[in-house]
């Protein structure tokens, strides 16, 4: 024998299952809702995934450009990446705060004549490595800032080529602007062996 409260509960469940609207039961309405809502939910999910992947790709590009050019701060990709940080790491307050600290330190390290104050510049390099450390942790890379700072590779040959190209541009501009002259050295042509006087 089933107790009266339990009978009442079973009756209510059966009555709820038997409820219909426009001749359709609850389960049928749920199926219709899934058919209508399902494609919209799938498209929305796909768009969200694409947006998430695009933002991650942009962060990876910035991080990769800064890491690969960390020994050559005047490289065009380095400058572009530095200016893109505030956009792609907009939600990362730590990264943006470290970038602001770095930019202030760079200004402090550069004298009025453009010369670098070495002690202040070394601190800027530390701030830069700390910023890359924060970016890397957000992207799943676990590099310490000392490792980032100490492993930059810049061959001496590249340094010489870059310096020669810079000097050549500066000297060429000085000549074109009239601030310098072109030096010409005249050498005596070598005397052919047959015409040389005997000793």
N, C-alpha and C. Protein backbone atom coordinates (compact mmCIF):
# COMPACT_ATOMS: atom_id res chain seq x y z
N UNK A 1 0.85 -1.19 0.00
CA UNK A 1 0.00 0.00 0.00
C UNK A 1 0.89 1.24 0.00
N UNK A 2 0.64 2.17 -0.95
CA UNK A 2 1.44 3.39 -1.07
C UNK A 2 0.86 4.46 -0.16
N UNK A 3 1.70 5.12 0.64
CA UNK A 3 1.20 6.18 1.52
C UNK A 3 0.55 7.31 0.73
N UNK A 4 -0.39 7.99 1.32
CA UNK A 4 -1.17 9.04 0.65
C UNK A 4 -0.31 10.17 0.12
N UNK A 5 0.69 10.70 0.89
CA UNK A 5 1.50 11.81 0.35
C UNK A 5 2.26 11.38 -0.90
N UNK A 6 2.75 10.14 -0.91
CA UNK A 6 3.50 9.66 -2.06
C UNK A 6 2.58 9.50 -3.26
N UNK A 7 1.37 9.04 -3.03
CA UNK A 7 0.38 8.94 -4.12
C UNK A 7 0.10 10.30 -4.73
N UNK A 8 -0.04 11.28 -3.87
CA UNK A 8 -0.32 12.64 -4.34
C UNK A 8 0.84 13.15 -5.21
N UNK A 9 2.07 12.88 -4.77
CA UNK A 9 3.25 13.31 -5.52
C UNK A 9 3.29 12.63 -6.89
N UNK A 10 3.05 11.34 -6.96
CA UNK A 10 3.05 10.62 -8.23
C UNK A 10 1.98 11.16 -9.16
N UNK A 11 0.83 11.48 -8.61
CA UNK A 11 -0.26 12.02 -9.42
C UNK A 11 0.12 13.37 -10.04
N UNK A 12 0.83 14.21 -9.21
CA UNK A 12 1.24 15.52 -9.72
C UNK A 12 2.28 15.39 -10.84
N UNK A 13 3.24 14.42 -10.69
CA UNK A 13 4.26 14.21 -11.73
C UNK A 13 3.61 13.74 -13.01
N UNK A 14 2.64 12.78 -12.90
CA UNK A 14 1.95 12.29 -14.10
C UNK A 14 1.14 13.39 -14.76
N UNK A 15 0.53 14.23 -13.94
CA UNK A 15 -0.26 15.34 -14.49
C UNK A 15 0.64 16.33 -15.22
N UNK A 16 1.84 16.60 -14.65
CA UNK A 16 2.77 17.54 -15.29
C UNK A 16 3.26 16.98 -16.61
N UNK A 17 3.50 15.65 -16.64
CA UNK A 17 3.98 15.03 -17.88
C UNK A 17 2.89 15.04 -18.94
N UNK A 18 1.65 15.01 -18.48
CA UNK A 18 0.55 14.96 -19.43
C UNK A 18 0.15 16.34 -19.94
N UNK A 19 0.73 17.43 -19.34
CA UNK A 19 0.38 18.78 -19.78
C UNK A 19 0.78 18.96 -21.24
N UNK A 20 -0.05 19.57 -21.99
CA UNK A 20 0.25 19.82 -23.40
C UNK A 20 -0.08 21.26 -23.73
N UNK A 21 0.57 21.76 -24.76
CA UNK A 21 0.29 23.09 -25.27
C UNK A 21 0.21 22.95 -26.78
N UNK A 22 -0.90 23.31 -27.32
CA UNK A 22 -1.14 23.17 -28.75
C UNK A 22 -0.93 21.73 -29.21
N UNK A 23 -1.25 20.80 -28.35
CA UNK A 23 -1.17 19.39 -28.69
C UNK A 23 0.21 18.79 -28.57
N UNK A 24 1.20 19.55 -28.07
CA UNK A 24 2.56 19.03 -27.93
C UNK A 24 2.92 18.92 -26.46
N UNK A 25 3.60 17.82 -26.11
CA UNK A 25 4.02 17.60 -24.73
C UNK A 25 5.32 18.37 -24.47
N UNK A 26 5.69 18.41 -23.19
CA UNK A 26 6.88 19.14 -22.76
C UNK A 26 8.13 18.66 -23.50
N UNK A 27 8.32 17.36 -23.60
CA UNK A 27 9.49 16.81 -24.27
C UNK A 27 9.56 17.23 -25.73
N UNK A 28 8.43 17.30 -26.38
CA UNK A 28 8.39 17.72 -27.79
C UNK A 28 8.76 19.19 -27.94
N UNK A 29 8.28 20.01 -26.98
CA UNK A 29 8.64 21.43 -27.01
C UNK A 29 10.15 21.62 -26.80
N UNK A 30 10.72 20.78 -25.89
CA UNK A 30 12.16 20.87 -25.66
C UNK A 30 12.94 20.50 -26.92
N UNK A 31 12.46 19.49 -27.65
CA UNK A 31 13.12 19.10 -28.90
C UNK A 31 13.06 20.23 -29.92
N UNK A 32 11.92 20.88 -30.04
CA UNK A 32 11.77 22.00 -30.98
C UNK A 32 12.71 23.15 -30.59
N UNK A 33 12.76 23.43 -29.29
CA UNK A 33 13.64 24.51 -28.82
C UNK A 33 15.10 24.19 -29.13
N UNK A 34 15.48 22.92 -28.94
CA UNK A 34 16.87 22.52 -29.23
C UNK A 34 17.18 22.66 -30.71
N UNK A 35 16.21 22.32 -31.57
CA UNK A 35 16.42 22.44 -33.01
C UNK A 35 16.59 23.90 -33.42
N UNK A 36 15.85 24.80 -32.79
CA UNK A 36 15.93 26.22 -33.14
C UNK A 36 17.17 26.88 -32.52
N UNK A 37 17.39 26.62 -31.24
CA UNK A 37 18.47 27.30 -30.52
C UNK A 37 19.83 26.69 -30.83
N UNK A 38 19.89 25.39 -31.12
CA UNK A 38 21.15 24.70 -31.33
C UNK A 38 22.07 25.35 -32.35
N UNK A 39 21.60 25.63 -33.58
CA UNK A 39 22.49 26.26 -34.57
C UNK A 39 23.01 27.64 -34.13
N UNK A 40 22.13 28.43 -33.50
CA UNK A 40 22.57 29.75 -33.02
C UNK A 40 23.65 29.60 -31.95
N UNK A 41 23.45 28.64 -31.05
CA UNK A 41 24.45 28.42 -29.99
C UNK A 41 25.77 27.94 -30.60
N UNK A 42 25.68 27.09 -31.63
CA UNK A 42 26.90 26.58 -32.28
C UNK A 42 27.66 27.71 -32.97
N UNK A 43 26.93 28.59 -33.68
CA UNK A 43 27.57 29.72 -34.36
C UNK A 43 28.19 30.67 -33.35
N UNK A 44 27.44 30.96 -32.27
CA UNK A 44 27.96 31.86 -31.24
C UNK A 44 29.23 31.28 -30.60
N UNK A 45 29.22 29.98 -30.35
CA UNK A 45 30.39 29.32 -29.76
C UNK A 45 31.58 29.39 -30.71
N UNK A 46 31.32 29.15 -32.02
CA UNK A 46 32.39 29.20 -33.01
C UNK A 46 32.98 30.60 -33.12
N UNK A 47 32.12 31.62 -33.10
CA UNK A 47 32.61 33.00 -33.15
C UNK A 47 33.45 33.35 -31.93
N UNK A 48 32.99 32.86 -30.77
CA UNK A 48 33.75 33.13 -29.54
C UNK A 48 35.12 32.46 -29.62
N UNK A 49 35.18 31.22 -30.10
CA UNK A 49 36.45 30.50 -30.23
C UNK A 49 37.37 31.22 -31.21
N UNK A 50 36.82 31.68 -32.35
CA UNK A 50 37.63 32.39 -33.33
C UNK A 50 38.20 33.68 -32.74
N UNK A 51 37.35 34.41 -32.01
CA UNK A 51 37.81 35.66 -31.38
C UNK A 51 38.92 35.36 -30.36
N UNK A 52 38.71 34.33 -29.56
CA UNK A 52 39.72 33.95 -28.55
C UNK A 52 41.04 33.57 -29.23
N UNK A 53 40.97 32.77 -30.29
CA UNK A 53 42.19 32.36 -31.01
C UNK A 53 42.88 33.55 -31.67
N UNK A 54 42.08 34.49 -32.21
CA UNK A 54 42.67 35.67 -32.85
C UNK A 54 43.41 36.52 -31.82
N UNK A 55 42.80 36.71 -30.66
CA UNK A 55 43.47 37.49 -29.61
C UNK A 55 44.76 36.79 -29.15
N UNK A 56 44.70 35.47 -29.02
CA UNK A 56 45.90 34.72 -28.60
C UNK A 56 46.99 34.83 -29.67
N UNK A 57 46.59 34.73 -30.95
CA UNK A 57 47.58 34.85 -32.03
C UNK A 57 48.25 36.21 -32.01
N UNK A 58 47.46 37.27 -31.75
CA UNK A 58 48.04 38.61 -31.68
C UNK A 58 49.01 38.73 -30.50
N UNK A 59 48.63 38.16 -29.37
CA UNK A 59 49.52 38.17 -28.21
C UNK A 59 50.81 37.40 -28.50
N UNK A 60 50.66 36.25 -29.17
CA UNK A 60 51.84 35.45 -29.52
C UNK A 60 52.76 36.21 -30.48
N UNK A 61 52.15 36.96 -31.43
CA UNK A 61 52.99 37.73 -32.35
C UNK A 61 53.78 38.80 -31.59
N UNK A 62 53.10 39.53 -30.71
CA UNK A 62 53.78 40.58 -29.93
C UNK A 62 54.90 39.97 -29.09
N UNK A 63 54.57 38.90 -28.39
CA UNK A 63 55.56 38.24 -27.53
C UNK A 63 56.73 37.71 -28.35
N UNK A 64 56.41 37.06 -29.48
CA UNK A 64 57.46 36.52 -30.34
C UNK A 64 58.35 37.60 -30.93
N UNK A 65 57.76 38.70 -31.37
CA UNK A 65 58.55 39.80 -31.94
C UNK A 65 59.46 40.41 -30.90
N UNK A 66 58.95 40.61 -29.69
CA UNK A 66 59.78 41.20 -28.63
C UNK A 66 60.89 40.25 -28.20
N UNK A 67 60.58 38.96 -28.12
CA UNK A 67 61.60 37.98 -27.74
C UNK A 67 62.68 37.87 -28.81
N UNK A 68 62.25 37.81 -30.09
CA UNK A 68 63.23 37.60 -31.16
C UNK A 68 64.09 38.84 -31.40
N UNK A 69 63.57 40.02 -31.07
CA UNK A 69 64.33 41.26 -31.31
C UNK A 69 64.84 41.88 -30.00
N UNK A 70 64.90 41.09 -28.93
CA UNK A 70 65.24 41.69 -27.63
C UNK A 70 66.67 42.20 -27.55
N UNK A 71 67.51 41.83 -28.50
CA UNK A 71 68.87 42.36 -28.53
C UNK A 71 69.00 43.56 -29.46
N UNK A 72 67.96 43.83 -30.26
CA UNK A 72 68.00 44.94 -31.23
C UNK A 72 66.71 45.75 -31.10
N UNK A 73 66.70 46.67 -30.18
CA UNK A 73 65.50 47.43 -29.89
C UNK A 73 65.11 48.40 -30.99
N UNK A 74 66.02 48.67 -31.93
CA UNK A 74 65.67 49.60 -33.01
C UNK A 74 65.05 48.89 -34.20
N UNK A 75 64.91 47.56 -34.13
CA UNK A 75 64.28 46.81 -35.22
C UNK A 75 62.83 47.24 -35.38
N UNK A 76 62.35 47.28 -36.62
CA UNK A 76 60.99 47.75 -36.91
C UNK A 76 59.94 46.87 -36.22
N UNK A 77 60.13 45.55 -36.23
CA UNK A 77 59.16 44.66 -35.58
C UNK A 77 59.11 44.88 -34.07
N UNK A 78 60.27 45.18 -33.48
CA UNK A 78 60.31 45.45 -32.05
C UNK A 78 59.47 46.68 -31.71
N UNK A 79 59.64 47.73 -32.50
CA UNK A 79 58.90 48.98 -32.25
C UNK A 79 57.40 48.76 -32.44
N UNK A 80 57.02 48.04 -33.52
CA UNK A 80 55.59 47.76 -33.75
C UNK A 80 55.00 46.96 -32.59
N UNK A 81 55.73 45.94 -32.15
CA UNK A 81 55.23 45.11 -31.05
C UNK A 81 55.09 45.91 -29.76
N UNK A 82 56.07 46.77 -29.48
CA UNK A 82 55.98 47.59 -28.26
C UNK A 82 54.75 48.49 -28.28
N UNK A 83 54.43 49.04 -29.45
CA UNK A 83 53.28 49.92 -29.55
C UNK A 83 51.95 49.17 -29.57
N UNK A 84 52.00 47.85 -29.78
CA UNK A 84 50.79 47.04 -29.86
C UNK A 84 50.42 46.40 -28.52
N UNK A 85 51.31 46.51 -27.53
CA UNK A 85 51.11 45.84 -26.25
C UNK A 85 49.81 46.28 -25.57
N UNK A 86 49.57 47.59 -25.51
CA UNK A 86 48.39 48.09 -24.80
C UNK A 86 47.08 47.61 -25.42
N UNK A 87 47.11 47.26 -26.70
CA UNK A 87 45.90 46.78 -27.36
C UNK A 87 45.66 45.30 -27.05
N UNK A 88 46.65 44.47 -27.35
CA UNK A 88 46.43 43.02 -27.23
C UNK A 88 46.48 42.53 -25.78
N UNK A 89 47.18 43.26 -24.91
CA UNK A 89 47.20 42.88 -23.49
C UNK A 89 46.35 43.86 -22.68
N UNK A 90 45.26 44.33 -23.29
CA UNK A 90 44.42 45.35 -22.65
C UNK A 90 43.88 44.88 -21.30
N UNK A 91 43.52 43.59 -21.20
CA UNK A 91 42.92 43.08 -19.96
C UNK A 91 43.96 42.66 -18.93
N UNK A 92 45.23 42.73 -19.29
CA UNK A 92 46.30 42.34 -18.37
C UNK A 92 46.91 43.59 -17.75
N UNK A 93 46.42 43.96 -16.58
CA UNK A 93 46.88 45.19 -15.94
C UNK A 93 48.36 45.14 -15.58
N UNK A 94 48.85 43.95 -15.20
CA UNK A 94 50.26 43.83 -14.81
C UNK A 94 51.18 44.12 -15.99
N UNK A 95 50.84 43.56 -17.16
CA UNK A 95 51.68 43.77 -18.35
C UNK A 95 51.67 45.24 -18.75
N UNK A 96 50.49 45.86 -18.76
CA UNK A 96 50.39 47.26 -19.17
C UNK A 96 51.09 48.18 -18.18
N UNK A 97 51.01 47.85 -16.90
CA UNK A 97 51.70 48.67 -15.88
C UNK A 97 53.21 48.55 -16.05
N UNK A 98 53.68 47.34 -16.34
CA UNK A 98 55.13 47.14 -16.52
C UNK A 98 55.61 47.85 -17.78
N UNK A 99 54.77 47.87 -18.84
CA UNK A 99 55.15 48.59 -20.06
C UNK A 99 55.26 50.09 -19.78
N UNK A 100 54.31 50.63 -19.02
CA UNK A 100 54.35 52.06 -18.67
C UNK A 100 55.62 52.37 -17.87
N UNK A 101 55.97 51.49 -16.95
CA UNK A 101 57.18 51.66 -16.15
C UNK A 101 58.42 51.61 -17.05
N UNK A 102 58.41 50.69 -18.01
CA UNK A 102 59.53 50.56 -18.95
C UNK A 102 59.68 51.82 -19.80
N UNK A 103 58.57 52.34 -20.33
CA UNK A 103 58.64 53.52 -21.18
C UNK A 103 59.16 54.73 -20.40
N UNK A 104 58.74 54.86 -19.15
CA UNK A 104 59.25 55.96 -18.31
C UNK A 104 60.75 55.81 -18.07
N UNK A 105 61.19 54.57 -17.89
CA UNK A 105 62.61 54.32 -17.65
C UNK A 105 63.44 54.58 -18.90
N UNK A 106 62.91 54.26 -20.08
CA UNK A 106 63.62 54.52 -21.34
C UNK A 106 63.84 56.03 -21.50
N UNK A 107 62.80 56.81 -21.20
CA UNK A 107 62.94 58.27 -21.30
C UNK A 107 63.98 58.78 -20.31
N UNK A 108 63.99 58.16 -19.14
CA UNK A 108 64.94 58.57 -18.11
C UNK A 108 66.38 58.19 -18.51
N UNK A 109 66.52 57.08 -19.26
CA UNK A 109 67.85 56.58 -19.63
C UNK A 109 68.44 57.30 -20.83
N UNK A 110 67.62 58.06 -21.55
CA UNK A 110 68.09 58.76 -22.74
C UNK A 110 68.31 60.23 -22.43
N UNK A 111 69.56 60.67 -22.60
CA UNK A 111 69.89 62.06 -22.31
C UNK A 111 69.35 63.00 -23.36
N UNK A 112 69.45 64.32 -23.13
CA UNK A 112 68.93 65.31 -24.09
C UNK A 112 69.61 65.22 -25.46
N UNK A 113 70.88 64.79 -25.46
CA UNK A 113 71.61 64.69 -26.73
C UNK A 113 71.43 63.32 -27.38
N UNK A 114 70.58 62.47 -26.80
CA UNK A 114 70.35 61.14 -27.36
C UNK A 114 71.29 60.09 -26.81
N UNK A 115 72.26 60.49 -26.01
CA UNK A 115 73.20 59.52 -25.42
C UNK A 115 72.51 58.76 -24.30
N UNK A 116 72.94 57.51 -24.09
CA UNK A 116 72.33 56.67 -23.06
C UNK A 116 73.09 56.78 -21.75
N UNK A 117 72.33 56.86 -20.67
CA UNK A 117 72.91 56.79 -19.33
C UNK A 117 72.93 55.30 -18.98
N UNK A 118 74.12 54.71 -18.90
CA UNK A 118 74.23 53.25 -18.85
C UNK A 118 73.49 52.64 -17.67
N UNK A 119 73.65 53.24 -16.47
CA UNK A 119 72.99 52.68 -15.29
C UNK A 119 71.48 52.66 -15.47
N UNK A 120 70.90 53.74 -15.97
CA UNK A 120 69.46 53.82 -16.17
C UNK A 120 69.02 52.87 -17.28
N UNK A 121 69.87 52.72 -18.30
CA UNK A 121 69.53 51.82 -19.41
C UNK A 121 69.50 50.36 -18.92
N UNK A 122 70.43 50.00 -18.04
CA UNK A 122 70.43 48.64 -17.48
C UNK A 122 69.14 48.36 -16.72
N UNK A 123 68.65 49.36 -16.01
CA UNK A 123 67.36 49.19 -15.31
C UNK A 123 66.22 49.02 -16.31
N UNK A 124 66.27 49.74 -17.44
CA UNK A 124 65.24 49.59 -18.48
C UNK A 124 65.26 48.17 -19.04
N UNK A 125 66.45 47.61 -19.23
CA UNK A 125 66.56 46.23 -19.73
C UNK A 125 65.95 45.26 -18.73
N UNK A 126 66.14 45.50 -17.44
CA UNK A 126 65.51 44.66 -16.41
C UNK A 126 63.99 44.76 -16.47
N UNK A 127 63.46 45.97 -16.60
CA UNK A 127 62.01 46.15 -16.70
C UNK A 127 61.45 45.42 -17.92
N UNK A 128 62.19 45.51 -19.03
CA UNK A 128 61.76 44.84 -20.26
C UNK A 128 61.68 43.33 -20.07
N UNK A 129 62.71 42.76 -19.44
CA UNK A 129 62.72 41.31 -19.19
C UNK A 129 61.58 40.91 -18.26
N UNK A 130 61.31 41.74 -17.26
CA UNK A 130 60.19 41.44 -16.35
C UNK A 130 58.85 41.49 -17.09
N UNK A 131 58.72 42.44 -18.03
CA UNK A 131 57.49 42.53 -18.81
C UNK A 131 57.31 41.28 -19.68
N UNK A 132 58.39 40.83 -20.32
CA UNK A 132 58.32 39.62 -21.13
C UNK A 132 57.99 38.40 -20.27
N UNK A 133 58.50 38.38 -19.06
CA UNK A 133 58.20 37.29 -18.13
C UNK A 133 56.70 37.25 -17.84
N UNK A 134 56.09 38.40 -17.58
CA UNK A 134 54.65 38.46 -17.32
C UNK A 134 53.84 38.03 -18.55
N UNK A 135 54.25 38.50 -19.73
CA UNK A 135 53.56 38.10 -20.95
C UNK A 135 53.64 36.59 -21.17
N UNK A 136 54.85 36.06 -20.98
CA UNK A 136 55.05 34.63 -21.19
C UNK A 136 54.20 33.79 -20.26
N UNK A 137 54.10 34.18 -19.01
CA UNK A 137 53.28 33.42 -18.06
C UNK A 137 51.81 33.44 -18.48
N UNK A 138 51.34 34.56 -19.01
CA UNK A 138 49.95 34.63 -19.47
C UNK A 138 49.71 33.72 -20.67
N UNK A 139 50.75 33.52 -21.48
CA UNK A 139 50.63 32.69 -22.68
C UNK A 139 51.05 31.24 -22.45
N UNK A 140 51.49 30.93 -21.22
CA UNK A 140 51.86 29.55 -20.92
C UNK A 140 53.34 29.24 -21.04
N UNK A 141 54.20 30.27 -21.17
CA UNK A 141 55.64 30.08 -21.23
C UNK A 141 56.23 30.41 -19.86
N UNK A 142 57.13 29.56 -19.40
CA UNK A 142 57.68 29.76 -18.06
C UNK A 142 59.17 30.10 -18.14
N UNK A 143 59.47 31.34 -18.57
CA UNK A 143 60.84 31.84 -18.60
C UNK A 143 61.01 32.85 -17.47
N UNK A 144 62.08 32.74 -16.74
CA UNK A 144 62.39 33.75 -15.73
C UNK A 144 62.97 34.98 -16.41
N UNK A 145 62.78 36.15 -15.80
CA UNK A 145 63.24 37.38 -16.46
C UNK A 145 64.77 37.42 -16.60
N UNK A 146 65.48 36.78 -15.67
CA UNK A 146 66.95 36.75 -15.81
C UNK A 146 67.36 35.90 -17.01
N UNK A 147 66.63 34.82 -17.26
CA UNK A 147 66.92 33.98 -18.42
C UNK A 147 66.65 34.74 -19.71
N UNK A 148 65.56 35.50 -19.74
CA UNK A 148 65.22 36.30 -20.92
C UNK A 148 66.30 37.33 -21.19
N UNK A 149 66.76 37.98 -20.14
CA UNK A 149 67.75 39.06 -20.29
C UNK A 149 69.12 38.54 -20.70
N UNK A 150 69.52 37.40 -20.15
CA UNK A 150 70.89 36.92 -20.34
C UNK A 150 71.09 36.04 -21.58
N UNK A 151 70.02 35.67 -22.27
CA UNK A 151 70.18 34.75 -23.40
C UNK A 151 69.93 35.41 -24.75
N UNK A 152 69.86 36.72 -24.80
CA UNK A 152 69.67 37.40 -26.09
C UNK A 152 70.92 37.20 -26.95
N UNK A 153 70.71 36.94 -28.24
CA UNK A 153 71.82 36.65 -29.15
C UNK A 153 71.91 37.75 -30.20
N UNK A 154 73.09 38.37 -30.28
CA UNK A 154 73.34 39.42 -31.26
C UNK A 154 74.78 39.30 -31.70
N UNK A 155 75.04 38.62 -32.83
CA UNK A 155 76.43 38.37 -33.25
C UNK A 155 77.20 39.66 -33.48
N UNK A 156 78.49 39.61 -33.23
CA UNK A 156 79.36 40.78 -33.41
C UNK A 156 79.31 41.25 -34.86
N UNK A 157 79.25 40.29 -35.81
CA UNK A 157 79.18 40.65 -37.23
C UNK A 157 77.95 41.48 -37.54
N UNK A 158 76.81 41.13 -36.96
CA UNK A 158 75.60 41.91 -37.17
C UNK A 158 75.73 43.30 -36.57
N UNK A 159 76.35 43.36 -35.40
CA UNK A 159 76.56 44.66 -34.76
C UNK A 159 77.42 45.56 -35.64
N UNK A 160 78.48 44.99 -36.22
CA UNK A 160 79.36 45.78 -37.10
C UNK A 160 78.62 46.25 -38.35
N UNK A 161 77.82 45.34 -38.94
CA UNK A 161 77.05 45.71 -40.14
C UNK A 161 76.05 46.82 -39.83
N UNK A 162 75.36 46.69 -38.71
CA UNK A 162 74.37 47.71 -38.33
C UNK A 162 75.05 49.05 -38.08
N UNK A 163 76.20 49.02 -37.39
CA UNK A 163 76.92 50.27 -37.11
C UNK A 163 77.45 50.89 -38.40
N UNK A 164 77.96 50.06 -39.31
CA UNK A 164 78.48 50.59 -40.58
C UNK A 164 77.36 51.22 -41.39
N UNK A 165 76.19 50.55 -41.44
CA UNK A 165 75.05 51.11 -42.18
C UNK A 165 74.60 52.42 -41.56
N UNK A 166 74.58 52.49 -40.23
CA UNK A 166 74.18 53.72 -39.55
C UNK A 166 75.18 54.85 -39.83
N UNK A 167 76.47 54.54 -39.71
CA UNK A 167 77.51 55.55 -39.97
C UNK A 167 77.45 56.04 -41.41
N UNK A 168 77.25 55.13 -42.34
CA UNK A 168 77.17 55.50 -43.76
C UNK A 168 76.00 56.45 -44.01
N UNK A 169 74.85 56.15 -43.41
CA UNK A 169 73.69 57.05 -43.56
C UNK A 169 73.97 58.42 -42.98
N UNK A 170 74.58 58.44 -41.78
CA UNK A 170 74.87 59.72 -41.12
C UNK A 170 75.85 60.56 -41.95
N UNK A 171 76.90 59.92 -42.45
CA UNK A 171 77.91 60.66 -43.23
C UNK A 171 77.34 61.10 -44.57
N UNK A 172 76.52 60.25 -45.19
CA UNK A 172 75.88 60.63 -46.45
C UNK A 172 74.96 61.83 -46.27
N UNK A 173 74.18 61.83 -45.18
CA UNK A 173 73.30 62.98 -44.89
C UNK A 173 74.11 64.24 -44.63
N UNK A 174 75.22 64.09 -43.91
CA UNK A 174 76.06 65.26 -43.62
C UNK A 174 76.60 65.88 -44.90
N UNK A 175 76.99 65.05 -45.87
CA UNK A 175 77.48 65.57 -47.15
C UNK A 175 76.34 66.23 -47.91
N UNK A 176 75.18 65.57 -47.99
CA UNK A 176 74.04 66.13 -48.73
C UNK A 176 73.54 67.43 -48.14
N UNK A 177 73.65 67.57 -46.82
CA UNK A 177 73.17 68.79 -46.16
C UNK A 177 74.24 69.87 -46.08
N UNK A 178 75.43 69.59 -46.61
CA UNK A 178 76.50 70.59 -46.61
C UNK A 178 77.24 70.71 -45.30
N UNK A 179 77.08 69.77 -44.40
CA UNK A 179 77.78 69.82 -43.11
C UNK A 179 79.13 69.14 -43.18
N UNK A 180 79.41 68.44 -44.28
CA UNK A 180 80.70 67.75 -44.42
C UNK A 180 81.09 67.72 -45.89
N UNK A 181 82.37 67.54 -46.12
CA UNK A 181 82.89 67.47 -47.49
C UNK A 181 83.25 66.02 -47.82
N UNK A 182 83.31 65.76 -49.10
CA UNK A 182 83.80 64.45 -49.55
C UNK A 182 85.31 64.54 -49.69
N UNK A 183 85.99 63.71 -48.96
CA UNK A 183 87.45 63.70 -49.04
C UNK A 183 87.91 62.88 -50.23
N UNK A 184 88.81 63.45 -51.00
CA UNK A 184 89.35 62.75 -52.17
C UNK A 184 90.85 62.58 -51.99
N UNK A 185 91.34 61.39 -52.19
CA UNK A 185 92.77 61.11 -52.07
C UNK A 185 93.27 60.73 -53.46
N UNK A 186 94.31 61.43 -53.93
CA UNK A 186 94.87 61.16 -55.25
C UNK A 186 96.15 60.37 -55.07
N UNK A 187 96.27 59.25 -55.74
CA UNK A 187 97.47 58.41 -55.70
C UNK A 187 98.19 58.50 -57.04
N UNK A 188 99.50 58.45 -56.98
CA UNK A 188 100.29 58.39 -58.22
C UNK A 188 100.03 57.03 -58.86
N UNK A 189 99.83 57.02 -60.17
CA UNK A 189 99.63 55.71 -60.81
C UNK A 189 100.92 54.90 -60.75
N UNK A 190 100.80 53.60 -60.61
CA UNK A 190 102.03 52.79 -60.55
C UNK A 190 102.80 52.83 -61.87
N UNK A 191 104.11 52.89 -61.79
CA UNK A 191 104.96 52.92 -62.98
C UNK A 191 105.15 51.49 -63.46
N UNK A 192 104.93 51.25 -64.76
CA UNK A 192 105.13 49.88 -65.25
C UNK A 192 106.57 49.43 -65.03
N UNK A 193 106.77 48.16 -64.85
CA UNK A 193 108.07 47.58 -64.49
C UNK A 193 109.16 47.88 -65.53
N UNK A 194 108.74 47.86 -66.80
CA UNK A 194 109.72 48.08 -67.88
C UNK A 194 110.23 49.51 -67.88
N UNK A 195 109.45 50.47 -67.37
CA UNK A 195 109.85 51.88 -67.41
C UNK A 195 110.56 52.34 -66.15
N UNK A 196 110.68 51.43 -65.17
CA UNK A 196 111.32 51.84 -63.93
C UNK A 196 112.83 52.02 -64.17
N UNK A 197 113.40 53.07 -63.60
CA UNK A 197 114.84 53.27 -63.77
C UNK A 197 115.63 52.18 -63.03
N UNK A 198 116.75 51.79 -63.57
CA UNK A 198 117.55 50.76 -62.89
C UNK A 198 118.14 51.31 -61.59
N UNK A 199 118.38 50.41 -60.66
CA UNK A 199 118.93 50.84 -59.38
C UNK A 199 120.42 50.70 -59.39
